[in-house]
């Protein structure tokens, strides 16, 4: 599957982590500057509860949960 940005198509790549806290490092991406990184995660949870998302970036970041924008930092 691909995503198109400014008429350029990019392929999705799977990242598998065995970190049980859900951490993954995107520093392997090239180029390391001026690039986009998208992550999609499906989580099934048996009950409704409040959870905490920890996100780090030295530039902009946007987060959607169930189709709703919940964080944006340009």
C-alpha atoms as a PDB file:
ATOM      1  CA  UNK A   1       0.000   0.000   0.000  1.00  0.00           C
ATOM      2  CA  UNK A   2       1.212   3.529  -0.731  1.00  0.00           C
ATOM      3  CA  UNK A   3       0.501   7.109   0.312  1.00  0.00           C
ATOM      4  CA  UNK A   4       0.878  10.074  -2.056  1.00  0.00           C
ATOM      5  CA  UNK A   5       2.207  13.463  -0.923  1.00  0.00           C
ATOM      6  CA  UNK A   6       2.774  16.283  -3.414  1.00  0.00           C
ATOM      7  CA  UNK A   7       2.338  13.838  -6.329  1.00  0.00           C
ATOM      8  CA  UNK A   8       5.039  11.482  -4.982  1.00  0.00           C
ATOM      9  CA  UNK A   9       4.048   7.973  -3.855  1.00  0.00           C
ATOM     10  CA  UNK A  10       5.636   6.360  -0.819  1.00  0.00           C
ATOM     11  CA  UNK A  11       5.326   2.733   0.281  1.00  0.00           C
ATOM     12  CA  UNK A  12       4.323   1.722   3.793  1.00  0.00           C
ATOM     13  CA  UNK A  13       6.974  -0.289   5.661  1.00  0.00           C
ATOM     14  CA  UNK A  14       6.292  -2.547   8.597  1.00  0.00           C
ATOM     15  CA  UNK A  15       8.229  -1.887  11.792  1.00  0.00           C
ATOM     16  CA  UNK A  16       8.095  -4.682  14.321  1.00  0.00           C
ATOM     17  CA  UNK A  17       9.029  -3.993  17.913  1.00  0.00           C
ATOM     18  CA  UNK A  18       9.249  -6.338  20.839  1.00  0.00           C
ATOM     19  CA  UNK A  19       9.283  -3.395  23.229  1.00  0.00           C
ATOM     20  CA  UNK A  20       6.213  -4.083  25.352  1.00  0.00           C
ATOM     21  CA  UNK A  21       5.788  -0.358  26.041  1.00  0.00           C
ATOM     22  CA  UNK A  22       5.280   0.268  22.314  1.00  0.00           C
ATOM     23  CA  UNK A  23       8.478   2.239  21.625  1.00  0.00           C
ATOM     24  CA  UNK A  24       9.932   2.334  18.142  1.00  0.00           C
ATOM     25  CA  UNK A  25      12.754   4.408  16.695  1.00  0.00           C
ATOM     26  CA  UNK A  26      12.416   6.063  13.272  1.00  0.00           C
ATOM     27  CA  UNK A  27      15.996   7.359  13.137  1.00  0.00           C
ATOM     28  CA  UNK A  28      16.847   4.748  10.466  1.00  0.00           C
ATOM     29  CA  UNK A  29      14.816   6.708   7.883  1.00  0.00           C
ATOM     30  CA  UNK A  30      16.720   8.395   5.056  1.00  0.00           C
ATOM     31  CA  UNK A  31      17.073  11.247   4.618  1.00  0.00           C
ATOM     32  CA  UNK A  32      17.243  11.966   8.325  1.00  0.00           C
ATOM     33  CA  UNK A  33      16.281  15.605   7.764  1.00  0.00           C
ATOM     34  CA  UNK A  34      13.256  17.112   6.054  1.00  0.00           C
ATOM     35  CA  UNK A  35      11.332  13.863   5.783  1.00  0.00           C
ATOM     36  CA  UNK A  36       7.860  12.608   6.664  1.00  0.00           C
ATOM     37  CA  UNK A  37       7.157   9.602   8.837  1.00  0.00           C
ATOM     38  CA  UNK A  38       3.673   8.156   9.278  1.00  0.00           C
ATOM     39  CA  UNK A  39       2.693   5.479  11.755  1.00  0.00           C
ATOM     40  CA  UNK A  40      -0.592   3.622  11.959  1.00  0.00           C
ATOM     41  CA  UNK A  41      -1.454   1.396  14.893  1.00  0.00           C
ATOM     42  CA  UNK A  42      -4.513  -0.746  15.523  1.00  0.00           C
ATOM     43  CA  UNK A  43      -5.177  -1.400  19.191  1.00  0.00           C
ATOM     44  CA  UNK A  44      -8.064  -3.470  20.476  1.00  0.00           C
ATOM     45  CA  UNK A  45      -8.904  -2.892  24.117  1.00  0.00           C
ATOM     46  CA  UNK A  46     -11.670  -4.629  26.026  1.00  0.00           C
ATOM     47  CA  UNK A  47     -12.753  -1.593  28.047  1.00  0.00           C
ATOM     48  CA  UNK A  48     -13.007   2.196  27.805  1.00  0.00           C
ATOM     49  CA  UNK A  49     -10.356   4.015  29.796  1.00  0.00           C
ATOM     50  CA  UNK A  50      -8.052   6.999  29.580  1.00  0.00           C
ATOM     51  CA  UNK A  51      -4.561   6.232  28.282  1.00  0.00           C
ATOM     52  CA  UNK A  52      -1.416   8.296  27.748  1.00  0.00           C
ATOM     53  CA  UNK A  53       0.368   8.644  24.408  1.00  0.00           C
ATOM     54  CA  UNK A  54       4.003   9.706  24.557  1.00  0.00           C
ATOM     55  CA  UNK A  55       5.364  11.239  21.359  1.00  0.00           C
ATOM     56  CA  UNK A  56       8.699  12.861  20.639  1.00  0.00           C
ATOM     57  CA  UNK A  57       9.692  14.988  17.659  1.00  0.00           C
ATOM     58  CA  UNK A  58      12.073  17.857  16.985  1.00  0.00           C
ATOM     59  CA  UNK A  59       9.625  19.189  14.389  1.00  0.00           C
ATOM     60  CA  UNK A  60       5.891  18.984  13.777  1.00  0.00           C
ATOM     61  CA  UNK A  61       3.683  16.114  14.879  1.00  0.00           C
ATOM     62  CA  UNK A  62       0.012  15.311  14.355  1.00  0.00           C
ATOM     63  CA  UNK A  63      -2.034  12.583  16.073  1.00  0.00           C
ATOM     64  CA  UNK A  64      -5.493  11.255  15.240  1.00  0.00           C
ATOM     65  CA  UNK A  65      -7.426   8.780  17.375  1.00  0.00           C
ATOM     66  CA  UNK A  66     -10.448   7.090  15.798  1.00  0.00           C
ATOM     67  CA  UNK A  67     -10.479   9.725  13.053  1.00  0.00           C
ATOM     68  CA  UNK A  68     -10.407  12.661  15.508  1.00  0.00           C
ATOM     69  CA  UNK A  69      -7.485  15.117  15.610  1.00  0.00           C
ATOM     70  CA  UNK A  70      -6.203  15.040  19.205  1.00  0.00           C
ATOM     71  CA  UNK A  71      -2.780  16.702  18.893  1.00  0.00           C
ATOM     72  CA  UNK A  72      -1.079  19.029  16.417  1.00  0.00           C
ATOM     73  CA  UNK A  73       2.253  20.817  16.750  1.00  0.00           C
ATOM     74  CA  UNK A  74       3.706  22.628  13.744  1.00  0.00           C
END
